[in-house]
All heavy atoms as atom14 arrays in JSON, in Angstrom:
{
  "sequence": "KASIDDNALFRHKDIEAWHDIHEEDPTELEAKEYGLSYVNLDGNVG",
  "atom14_mask": [
    [1, 1, 1, 1, 1, 1, 1, 1, 1, 0, 0, 0, 0, 0],
    [1, 1, 1, 1, 1, 0, 0, 0, 0, 0, 0, 0, 0, 0],
    [1, 1, 1, 1, 1, 1, 0, 0, 0, 0, 0, 0, 0, 0],
    [1, 1, 1, 1, 1, 1, 1, 1, 0, 0, 0, 0, 0, 0],
    [1, 1, 1, 1, 1, 1, 1, 1, 0, 0, 0, 0, 0, 0],
    [1, 1, 1, 1, 1, 1, 1, 1, 0, 0, 0, 0, 0, 0],
    [1, 1, 1, 1, 1, 1, 1, 1, 0, 0, 0, 0, 0, 0],
    [1, 1, 1, 1, 1, 0, 0, 0, 0, 0, 0, 0, 0, 0],
    [1, 1, 1, 1, 1, 1, 1, 1, 0, 0, 0, 0, 0, 0],
    [1, 1, 1, 1, 1, 1, 1, 1, 1, 1, 1, 0, 0, 0],
    [1, 1, 1, 1, 1, 1, 1, 1, 1, 1, 1, 0, 0, 0],
    [1, 1, 1, 1, 1, 1, 1, 1, 1, 1, 0, 0, 0, 0],
    [1, 1, 1, 1, 1, 1, 1, 1, 1, 0, 0, 0, 0, 0],
    [1, 1, 1, 1, 1, 1, 1, 1, 0, 0, 0, 0, 0, 0],
    [1, 1, 1, 1, 1, 1, 1, 1, 0, 0, 0, 0, 0, 0],
    [1, 1, 1, 1, 1, 1, 1, 1, 1, 0, 0, 0, 0, 0],
    [1, 1, 1, 1, 1, 0, 0, 0, 0, 0, 0, 0, 0, 0],
    [1, 1, 1, 1, 1, 1, 1, 1, 1, 1, 1, 1, 1, 1],
    [1, 1, 1, 1, 1, 1, 1, 1, 1, 1, 0, 0, 0, 0],
    [1, 1, 1, 1, 1, 1, 1, 1, 0, 0, 0, 0, 0, 0],
    [1, 1, 1, 1, 1, 1, 1, 1, 0, 0, 0, 0, 0, 0],
    [1, 1, 1, 1, 1, 1, 1, 1, 1, 1, 0, 0, 0, 0],
    [1, 1, 1, 1, 1, 1, 1, 1, 1, 0, 0, 0, 0, 0],
    [1, 1, 1, 1, 1, 1, 1, 1, 1, 0, 0, 0, 0, 0],
    [1, 1, 1, 1, 1, 1, 1, 1, 0, 0, 0, 0, 0, 0],
    [1, 1, 1, 1, 1, 1, 1, 0, 0, 0, 0, 0, 0, 0],
    [1, 1, 1, 1, 1, 1, 1, 0, 0, 0, 0, 0, 0, 0],
    [1, 1, 1, 1, 1, 1, 1, 1, 1, 0, 0, 0, 0, 0],
    [1, 1, 1, 1, 1, 1, 1, 1, 0, 0, 0, 0, 0, 0],
    [1, 1, 1, 1, 1, 1, 1, 1, 1, 0, 0, 0, 0, 0],
    [1, 1, 1, 1, 1, 0, 0, 0, 0, 0, 0, 0, 0, 0],
    [1, 1, 1, 1, 1, 1, 1, 1, 1, 0, 0, 0, 0, 0],
    [1, 1, 1, 1, 1, 1, 1, 1, 1, 0, 0, 0, 0, 0],
    [1, 1, 1, 1, 1, 1, 1, 1, 1, 1, 1, 1, 0, 0],
    [1, 1, 1, 1, 0, 0, 0, 0, 0, 0, 0, 0, 0, 0],
    [1, 1, 1, 1, 1, 1, 1, 1, 0, 0, 0, 0, 0, 0],
    [1, 1, 1, 1, 1, 1, 0, 0, 0, 0, 0, 0, 0, 0],
    [1, 1, 1, 1, 1, 1, 1, 1, 1, 1, 1, 1, 0, 0],
    [1, 1, 1, 1, 1, 1, 1, 0, 0, 0, 0, 0, 0, 0],
    [1, 1, 1, 1, 1, 1, 1, 1, 0, 0, 0, 0, 0, 0],
    [1, 1, 1, 1, 1, 1, 1, 1, 0, 0, 0, 0, 0, 0],
    [1, 1, 1, 1, 1, 1, 1, 1, 0, 0, 0, 0, 0, 0],
    [1, 1, 1, 1, 0, 0, 0, 0, 0, 0, 0, 0, 0, 0],
    [1, 1, 1, 1, 1, 1, 1, 1, 0, 0, 0, 0, 0, 0],
    [1, 1, 1, 1, 1, 1, 1, 0, 0, 0, 0, 0, 0, 0],
    [1, 1, 1, 1, 0, 0, 0, 0, 0, 0, 0, 0, 0, 0]
  ],
  "atom14_positions": [
    [[0.87, -1.17, 0.0], [0.0, 0.0, 0.0], [0.9, 1.22, 0.0], [1.74, 1.38, 0.89], [-0.9, 0.0, 1.23], [-1.89, 1.16, 1.29], [-2.79, 1.03, 2.51], [-3.82, 2.16, 2.54], [-4.71, 2.03, 3.73], [0.0, 0.0, 0.0], [0.0, 0.0, 0.0], [0.0, 0.0, 0.0], [0.0, 0.0, 0.0], [0.0, 0.0, 0.0]],
    [[0.77, 2.06, -1.01], [1.69, 3.2, -1.15], [0.92, 4.48, -1.45], [-0.06, 4.49, -2.19], [2.69, 2.93, -2.26], [0.0, 0.0, 0.0], [0.0, 0.0, 0.0], [0.0, 0.0, 0.0], [0.0, 0.0, 0.0], [0.0, 0.0, 0.0], [0.0, 0.0, 0.0], [0.0, 0.0, 0.0], [0.0, 0.0, 0.0], [0.0, 0.0, 0.0]],
    [[1.38, 5.57, -0.83], [0.85, 6.9, -1.1], [2.02, 7.84, -1.36], [3.01, 7.81, -0.63], [0.01, 7.42, 0.08], [-1.13, 6.62, 0.28], [0.0, 0.0, 0.0], [0.0, 0.0, 0.0], [0.0, 0.0, 0.0], [0.0, 0.0, 0.0], [0.0, 0.0, 0.0], [0.0, 0.0, 0.0], [0.0, 0.0, 0.0], [0.0, 0.0, 0.0]],
    [[1.89, 8.67, -2.39], [2.94, 9.62, -2.77], [2.45, 11.03, -2.5], [1.28, 11.36, -2.73], [3.3, 9.47, -4.26], [3.59, 8.0, -4.61], [4.49, 10.35, -4.62], [4.76, 7.4, -3.88], [0.0, 0.0, 0.0], [0.0, 0.0, 0.0], [0.0, 0.0, 0.0], [0.0, 0.0, 0.0], [0.0, 0.0, 0.0], [0.0, 0.0, 0.0]],
    [[3.35, 11.88, -2.0], [3.02, 13.27, -1.71], [2.62, 13.98, -3.0], [3.41, 14.06, -3.95], [4.24, 13.95, -1.09], [3.94, 15.37, -0.59], [2.89, 15.93, -0.95], [4.77, 15.91, 0.16], [0.0, 0.0, 0.0], [0.0, 0.0, 0.0], [0.0, 0.0, 0.0], [0.0, 0.0, 0.0], [0.0, 0.0, 0.0], [0.0, 0.0, 0.0]],
    [[1.4, 14.5, -3.06], [0.91, 15.19, -4.25], [1.8, 16.36, -4.64], [1.98, 16.67, -5.81], [-0.52, 15.7, -4.03], [-1.54, 14.59, -3.99], [-1.26, 13.53, -4.59], [-2.6, 14.76, -3.37], [0.0, 0.0, 0.0], [0.0, 0.0, 0.0], [0.0, 0.0, 0.0], [0.0, 0.0, 0.0], [0.0, 0.0, 0.0], [0.0, 0.0, 0.0]],
    [[2.36, 17.03, -3.64], [3.19, 18.21, -3.89], [4.53, 17.86, -4.52], [5.26, 18.76, -4.96], [3.43, 18.97, -2.58], [2.14, 19.5, -1.99], [1.37, 20.18, -2.67], [1.88, 19.18, -0.74], [0.0, 0.0, 0.0], [0.0, 0.0, 0.0], [0.0, 0.0, 0.0], [0.0, 0.0, 0.0], [0.0, 0.0, 0.0], [0.0, 0.0, 0.0]],
    [[4.89, 16.58, -4.52], [6.18, 16.15, -5.08], [6.02, 15.45, -6.42], [7.02, 15.02, -7.01], [6.89, 15.23, -4.09], [0.0, 0.0, 0.0], [0.0, 0.0, 0.0], [0.0, 0.0, 0.0], [0.0, 0.0, 0.0], [0.0, 0.0, 0.0], [0.0, 0.0, 0.0], [0.0, 0.0, 0.0], [0.0, 0.0, 0.0], [0.0, 0.0, 0.0]],
    [[4.8, 15.34, -6.93], [4.58, 14.59, -8.16], [5.27, 15.23, -9.37], [5.55, 14.54, -10.35], [3.08, 14.45, -8.43], [2.34, 13.46, -7.53], [0.84, 13.49, -7.81], [2.88, 12.04, -7.7], [0.0, 0.0, 0.0], [0.0, 0.0, 0.0], [0.0, 0.0, 0.0], [0.0, 0.0, 0.0], [0.0, 0.0, 0.0], [0.0, 0.0, 0.0]],
    [[5.55, 16.53, -9.31], [6.24, 17.17, -10.42], [7.64, 16.58, -10.61], [8.22, 16.69, -11.69], [6.32, 18.69, -10.2], [7.29, 19.11, -9.13], [8.59, 19.48, -9.46], [6.91, 19.14, -7.8], [9.48, 19.87, -8.48], [7.8, 19.52, -6.81], [9.1, 19.89, -7.15], [0.0, 0.0, 0.0], [0.0, 0.0, 0.0], [0.0, 0.0, 0.0]],
    [[8.15, 15.95, -9.56], [9.47, 15.31, -9.65], [9.38, 13.87, -10.1], [10.4, 13.23, -10.35], [10.17, 15.35, -8.27], [10.54, 16.72, -7.82], [11.61, 16.66, -6.74], [11.13, 16.11, -5.48], [11.22, 16.75, -4.31], [11.76, 17.97, -4.27], [10.79, 16.19, -3.21], [0.0, 0.0, 0.0], [0.0, 0.0, 0.0], [0.0, 0.0, 0.0]],
    [[8.16, 13.34, -10.19], [7.97, 11.92, -10.52], [6.87, 11.78, -11.58], [5.78, 11.28, -11.3], [7.59, 11.14, -9.26], [8.53, 11.33, -8.11], [9.76, 10.73, -8.05], [8.41, 12.09, -6.99], [10.37, 11.09, -6.92], [9.57, 11.91, -6.27], [0.0, 0.0, 0.0], [0.0, 0.0, 0.0], [0.0, 0.0, 0.0], [0.0, 0.0, 0.0]],
    [[7.16, 12.23, -12.76], [6.17, 12.19, -13.84], [5.75, 10.76, -14.17], [4.6, 10.52, -14.56], [6.73, 12.88, -15.1], [6.98, 14.37, -14.93], [5.7, 15.12, -14.6], [5.93, 16.62, -14.48], [4.7, 17.35, -14.12], [0.0, 0.0, 0.0], [0.0, 0.0, 0.0], [0.0, 0.0, 0.0], [0.0, 0.0, 0.0], [0.0, 0.0, 0.0]],
    [[6.68, 9.81, -14.0], [6.35, 8.42, -14.28], [5.33, 7.89, -13.28], [4.41, 7.14, -13.63], [7.61, 7.56, -14.26], [8.41, 7.71, -12.97], [8.27, 8.75, -12.3], [9.17, 6.78, -12.62], [0.0, 0.0, 0.0], [0.0, 0.0, 0.0], [0.0, 0.0, 0.0], [0.0, 0.0, 0.0], [0.0, 0.0, 0.0], [0.0, 0.0, 0.0]],
    [[5.47, 8.29, -12.02], [4.5, 7.86, -11.0], [3.18, 8.6, -11.18], [2.11, 8.0, -11.05], [5.07, 8.12, -9.58], [6.32, 7.27, -9.35], [4.01, 7.82, -8.51], [6.99, 7.5, -8.01], [0.0, 0.0, 0.0], [0.0, 0.0, 0.0], [0.0, 0.0, 0.0], [0.0, 0.0, 0.0], [0.0, 0.0, 0.0], [0.0, 0.0, 0.0]],
    [[3.25, 9.86, -11.52], [2.03, 10.65, -11.74], [1.18, 10.03, -12.85], [-0.06, 10.09, -12.81], [2.39, 12.09, -12.08], [1.2, 13.03, -12.16], [1.6, 14.47, -12.42], [2.69, 14.69, -12.96], [0.81, 15.38, -12.06], [0.0, 0.0, 0.0], [0.0, 0.0, 0.0], [0.0, 0.0, 0.0], [0.0, 0.0, 0.0], [0.0, 0.0, 0.0]],
    [[1.85, 9.42, -13.84], [1.13, 8.79, -14.95], [0.32, 7.58, -14.5], [-0.57, 7.12, -15.22], [2.12, 8.38, -16.04], [0.0, 0.0, 0.0], [0.0, 0.0, 0.0], [0.0, 0.0, 0.0], [0.0, 0.0, 0.0], [0.0, 0.0, 0.0], [0.0, 0.0, 0.0], [0.0, 0.0, 0.0], [0.0, 0.0, 0.0], [0.0, 0.0, 0.0]],
    [[0.6, 7.08, -13.31], [-0.14, 5.94, -12.77], [-1.48, 6.35, -12.15], [-2.25, 5.5, -11.71], [0.69, 5.22, -11.7], [1.85, 4.46, -12.23], [2.07, 4.08, -13.52], [2.95, 3.95, -11.48], [3.24, 3.38, -13.62], [3.81, 3.28, -12.38], [3.31, 3.99, -10.13], [4.99, 2.66, -11.98], [4.48, 3.38, -9.72], [5.32, 2.72, -10.64]],
    [[-1.75, 7.63, -12.08], [-2.97, 8.11, -11.42], [-4.21, 7.48, -12.05], [-4.42, 7.54, -13.26], [-3.05, 9.63, -11.54], [-4.24, 10.22, -10.86], [-5.02, 11.21, -11.41], [-4.8, 9.95, -9.65], [-6.0, 11.52, -10.58], [-5.89, 10.77, -9.51], [0.0, 0.0, 0.0], [0.0, 0.0, 0.0], [0.0, 0.0, 0.0], [0.0, 0.0, 0.0]],
    [[-5.03, 6.87, -11.21], [-6.26, 6.21, -11.67], [-7.45, 7.08, -11.28], [-7.86, 7.12, -10.11], [-6.37, 4.83, -11.03], [-7.56, 4.03, -11.56], [-8.36, 4.6, -12.33], [-7.68, 2.84, -11.22], [0.0, 0.0, 0.0], [0.0, 0.0, 0.0], [0.0, 0.0, 0.0], [0.0, 0.0, 0.0], [0.0, 0.0, 0.0], [0.0, 0.0, 0.0]],
    [[-8.01, 7.78, -12.27], [-9.11, 8.7, -11.97], [-10.36, 7.96, -11.51], [-11.23, 8.55, -10.86], [-9.45, 9.59, -13.19], [-9.88, 8.75, -14.39], [-8.26, 10.47, -13.55], [-10.41, 9.57, -15.55], [0.0, 0.0, 0.0], [0.0, 0.0, 0.0], [0.0, 0.0, 0.0], [0.0, 0.0, 0.0], [0.0, 0.0, 0.0], [0.0, 0.0, 0.0]],
    [[-10.47, 6.67, -11.84], [-11.64, 5.9, -11.42], [-11.7, 5.73, -9.9], [-12.76, 5.46, -9.34], [-11.65, 4.53, -12.08], [-11.75, 4.57, -13.57], [-12.83, 5.12, -14.23], [-10.89, 4.15, -14.54], [-12.65, 5.02, -15.53], [-11.49, 4.44, -15.75], [0.0, 0.0, 0.0], [0.0, 0.0, 0.0], [0.0, 0.0, 0.0], [0.0, 0.0, 0.0]],
    [[-10.55, 5.87, -9.24], [-10.5, 5.72, -7.79], [-10.77, 7.03, -7.06], [-10.81, 7.06, -5.84], [-9.13, 5.17, -7.37], [-8.87, 3.75, -7.81], [-9.8, 2.75, -7.15], [-10.09, 2.91, -5.95], [-10.26, 1.81, -7.84], [0.0, 0.0, 0.0], [0.0, 0.0, 0.0], [0.0, 0.0, 0.0], [0.0, 0.0, 0.0], [0.0, 0.0, 0.0]],
    [[-10.94, 8.11, -7.81], [-11.17, 9.41, -7.2], [-12.67, 9.74, -7.21], [-13.42, 9.27, -8.08], [-10.41, 10.51, -7.96], [-8.91, 10.26, -8.05], [-8.2, 10.48, -6.75], [-8.78, 11.13, -5.86], [-7.05, 10.0, -6.62], [0.0, 0.0, 0.0], [0.0, 0.0, 0.0], [0.0, 0.0, 0.0], [0.0, 0.0, 0.0], [0.0, 0.0, 0.0]],
    [[-13.08, 10.58, -6.27], [-14.45, 11.09, -6.26], [-14.6, 12.04, -7.45], [-13.84, 13.0, -7.56], [-14.7, 11.84, -4.95], [-16.15, 12.28, -4.81], [-16.68, 12.87, -5.76], [-16.75, 12.06, -3.74], [0.0, 0.0, 0.0], [0.0, 0.0, 0.0], [0.0, 0.0, 0.0], [0.0, 0.0, 0.0], [0.0, 0.0, 0.0], [0.0, 0.0, 0.0]],
    [[-15.57, 11.78, -8.38], [-15.72, 12.64, -9.56], [-15.9, 14.11, -9.21], [-15.4, 15.0, -9.91], [-16.96, 12.08, -10.26], [-17.12, 10.7, -9.73], [-16.57, 10.7, -8.35], [0.0, 0.0, 0.0], [0.0, 0.0, 0.0], [0.0, 0.0, 0.0], [0.0, 0.0, 0.0], [0.0, 0.0, 0.0], [0.0, 0.0, 0.0], [0.0, 0.0, 0.0]],
    [[-16.62, 14.38, -8.12], [-16.85, 15.76, -7.71], [-15.55, 16.42, -7.26], [-15.28, 17.59, -7.56], [-17.88, 15.82, -6.58], [-19.06, 15.11, -6.97], [-18.26, 17.26, -6.27], [0.0, 0.0, 0.0], [0.0, 0.0, 0.0], [0.0, 0.0, 0.0], [0.0, 0.0, 0.0], [0.0, 0.0, 0.0], [0.0, 0.0, 0.0], [0.0, 0.0, 0.0]],
    [[-14.72, 15.66, -6.55], [-13.44, 16.2, -6.09], [-12.52, 16.48, -7.27], [-11.76, 17.46, -7.26], [-12.79, 15.23, -5.1], [-13.56, 15.11, -3.79], [-12.93, 14.14, -2.82], [-11.76, 13.75, -3.04], [-13.59, 13.75, -1.84], [0.0, 0.0, 0.0], [0.0, 0.0, 0.0], [0.0, 0.0, 0.0], [0.0, 0.0, 0.0], [0.0, 0.0, 0.0]],
    [[-12.58, 15.63, -8.3], [-11.77, 15.85, -9.49], [-12.21, 17.12, -10.22], [-11.38, 17.92, -10.68], [-11.89, 14.66, -10.44], [-11.11, 13.4, -10.07], [-11.45, 12.27, -11.03], [-9.62, 13.66, -10.06], [0.0, 0.0, 0.0], [0.0, 0.0, 0.0], [0.0, 0.0, 0.0], [0.0, 0.0, 0.0], [0.0, 0.0, 0.0], [0.0, 0.0, 0.0]],
    [[-13.53, 17.32, -10.31], [-14.05, 18.52, -10.96], [-13.65, 19.77, -10.18], [-13.26, 20.78, -10.76], [-15.57, 18.43, -11.07], [-16.2, 19.62, -11.79], [-17.71, 19.54, -11.86], [-18.27, 18.51, -11.45], [-18.33, 20.52, -12.3], [0.0, 0.0, 0.0], [0.0, 0.0, 0.0], [0.0, 0.0, 0.0], [0.0, 0.0, 0.0], [0.0, 0.0, 0.0]],
    [[-13.74, 19.69, -8.86], [-13.36, 20.82, -8.02], [-11.89, 21.19, -8.23], [-11.52, 22.37, -8.27], [-13.62, 20.5, -6.55], [0.0, 0.0, 0.0], [0.0, 0.0, 0.0], [0.0, 0.0, 0.0], [0.0, 0.0, 0.0], [0.0, 0.0, 0.0], [0.0, 0.0, 0.0], [0.0, 0.0, 0.0], [0.0, 0.0, 0.0], [0.0, 0.0, 0.0]],
    [[-11.06, 20.18, -8.39], [-9.63, 20.42, -8.61], [-9.41, 21.17, -9.91], [-8.53, 22.03, -10.01], [-8.89, 19.08, -8.62], [-7.37, 19.2, -8.6], [-6.7, 17.84, -8.57], [-6.96, 17.12, -7.28], [-6.22, 15.82, -7.2], [0.0, 0.0, 0.0], [0.0, 0.0, 0.0], [0.0, 0.0, 0.0], [0.0, 0.0, 0.0], [0.0, 0.0, 0.0]],
    [[-10.21, 20.85, -10.93], [-10.1, 21.55, -12.22], [-10.46, 23.03, -12.08], [-9.93, 23.87, -12.79], [-11.03, 20.89, -13.25], [-10.6, 19.49, -13.66], [-11.57, 18.88, -14.64], [-12.54, 19.56, -15.03], [-11.36, 17.7, -15.02], [0.0, 0.0, 0.0], [0.0, 0.0, 0.0], [0.0, 0.0, 0.0], [0.0, 0.0, 0.0], [0.0, 0.0, 0.0]],
    [[-11.36, 23.34, -11.14], [-11.75, 24.73, -10.91], [-10.81, 25.45, -9.95], [-11.02, 26.63, -9.64], [-13.18, 24.79, -10.32], [-14.26, 24.29, -11.25], [-15.36, 23.59, -10.76], [-14.19, 24.51, -12.62], [-16.36, 23.13, -11.6], [-15.19, 24.06, -13.46], [-16.27, 23.37, -12.95], [-17.26, 22.92, -13.79], [0.0, 0.0, 0.0], [0.0, 0.0, 0.0]],
    [[-9.79, 24.74, -9.45], [-8.87, 25.35, -8.5], [-9.41, 25.37, -7.08], [-8.96, 26.16, -6.24], [0.0, 0.0, 0.0], [0.0, 0.0, 0.0], [0.0, 0.0, 0.0], [0.0, 0.0, 0.0], [0.0, 0.0, 0.0], [0.0, 0.0, 0.0], [0.0, 0.0, 0.0], [0.0, 0.0, 0.0], [0.0, 0.0, 0.0], [0.0, 0.0, 0.0]],
    [[-10.38, 24.49, -6.79], [-10.99, 24.42, -5.46], [-10.47, 23.2, -4.71], [-10.29, 22.14, -5.3], [-12.52, 24.33, -5.57], [-13.22, 25.43, -6.36], [-14.69, 25.06, -6.58], [-13.12, 26.76, -5.66], [0.0, 0.0, 0.0], [0.0, 0.0, 0.0], [0.0, 0.0, 0.0], [0.0, 0.0, 0.0], [0.0, 0.0, 0.0], [0.0, 0.0, 0.0]],
    [[-10.23, 23.36, -3.43], [-9.86, 22.22, -2.58], [-11.14, 21.69, -1.94], [-11.73, 22.35, -1.08], [-8.87, 22.66, -1.49], [-7.66, 23.11, -2.07], [0.0, 0.0, 0.0], [0.0, 0.0, 0.0], [0.0, 0.0, 0.0], [0.0, 0.0, 0.0], [0.0, 0.0, 0.0], [0.0, 0.0, 0.0], [0.0, 0.0, 0.0], [0.0, 0.0, 0.0]],
    [[-11.58, 20.51, -2.37], [-12.88, 19.98, -1.95], [-12.75, 18.54, -1.49], [-12.1, 17.73, -2.14], [-13.86, 20.07, -3.12], [-15.22, 19.44, -2.84], [-16.23, 20.18, -2.24], [-15.49, 18.12, -3.19], [-17.48, 19.62, -1.98], [-16.73, 17.56, -2.95], [-17.71, 18.3, -2.35], [-18.94, 17.74, -2.1], [0.0, 0.0, 0.0], [0.0, 0.0, 0.0]],
    [[-13.37, 18.25, -0.35], [-13.46, 16.88, 0.15], [-14.9, 16.64, 0.56], [-15.46, 17.4, 1.37], [-12.53, 16.64, 1.36], [-12.7, 15.21, 1.87], [-11.08, 16.9, 0.99], [0.0, 0.0, 0.0], [0.0, 0.0, 0.0], [0.0, 0.0, 0.0], [0.0, 0.0, 0.0], [0.0, 0.0, 0.0], [0.0, 0.0, 0.0], [0.0, 0.0, 0.0]],
    [[-15.51, 15.61, 0.01], [-16.9, 15.3, 0.31], [-17.01, 14.6, 1.67], [-16.25, 13.68, 1.97], [-17.48, 14.42, -0.79], [-18.96, 14.19, -0.63], [-19.68, 15.1, -0.23], [-19.43, 13.0, -0.92], [0.0, 0.0, 0.0], [0.0, 0.0, 0.0], [0.0, 0.0, 0.0], [0.0, 0.0, 0.0], [0.0, 0.0, 0.0], [0.0, 0.0, 0.0]],
    [[-17.96, 15.04, 2.49], [-18.23, 14.43, 3.79], [-19.69, 13.99, 3.84], [-20.4, 14.1, 2.84], [-17.9, 15.42, 4.92], [-16.46, 15.96, 4.94], [-16.3, 17.05, 5.99], [-15.46, 14.83, 5.19], [0.0, 0.0, 0.0], [0.0, 0.0, 0.0], [0.0, 0.0, 0.0], [0.0, 0.0, 0.0], [0.0, 0.0, 0.0], [0.0, 0.0, 0.0]],
    [[-20.15, 13.54, 4.99], [-21.5, 12.96, 5.05], [-22.46, 13.78, 5.92], [-23.42, 13.23, 6.46], [-21.44, 11.52, 5.56], [-20.74, 11.4, 6.91], [-20.33, 12.45, 7.45], [-20.61, 10.28, 7.42], [0.0, 0.0, 0.0], [0.0, 0.0, 0.0], [0.0, 0.0, 0.0], [0.0, 0.0, 0.0], [0.0, 0.0, 0.0], [0.0, 0.0, 0.0]],
    [[-22.21, 15.08, 6.05], [-23.06, 15.93, 6.88], [-24.19, 16.59, 6.12], [-24.54, 16.21, 5.0], [0.0, 0.0, 0.0], [0.0, 0.0, 0.0], [0.0, 0.0, 0.0], [0.0, 0.0, 0.0], [0.0, 0.0, 0.0], [0.0, 0.0, 0.0], [0.0, 0.0, 0.0], [0.0, 0.0, 0.0], [0.0, 0.0, 0.0], [0.0, 0.0, 0.0]],
    [[-24.79, 17.65, 6.76], [-25.95, 18.31, 6.16], [-25.77, 19.81, 5.94], [-26.68, 20.49, 5.48], [-27.19, 18.07, 7.04], [-27.0, 18.56, 8.47], [-25.93, 19.05, 8.84], [-28.04, 18.42, 9.28], [0.0, 0.0, 0.0], [0.0, 0.0, 0.0], [0.0, 0.0, 0.0], [0.0, 0.0, 0.0], [0.0, 0.0, 0.0], [0.0, 0.0, 0.0]],
    [[-24.59, 20.35, 6.28], [-24.33, 21.79, 6.07], [-23.12, 21.95, 5.16], [-22.0, 21.56, 5.49], [-24.06, 22.52, 7.41], [-23.8, 24.0, 7.16], [-25.24, 22.35, 8.36], [0.0, 0.0, 0.0], [0.0, 0.0, 0.0], [0.0, 0.0, 0.0], [0.0, 0.0, 0.0], [0.0, 0.0, 0.0], [0.0, 0.0, 0.0], [0.0, 0.0, 0.0]],
    [[-23.37, 22.53, 3.98], [-22.28, 22.77, 3.04], [-21.43, 23.95, 3.49], [-21.93, 24.91, 4.06], [0.0, 0.0, 0.0], [0.0, 0.0, 0.0], [0.0, 0.0, 0.0], [0.0, 0.0, 0.0], [0.0, 0.0, 0.0], [0.0, 0.0, 0.0], [0.0, 0.0, 0.0], [0.0, 0.0, 0.0], [0.0, 0.0, 0.0], [0.0, 0.0, 0.0]]
  ]
}
């Protein structure tokens, strides 16, 4: 089980190419495209 620091991926383009978008929350991926830091939780207040 391995996790790589997102802030260091610019140094590891080969590892970055392994990114599997299917394992990511689609909403979080879209938020990243907009420049937003978003994590989905299970509450009732946005």
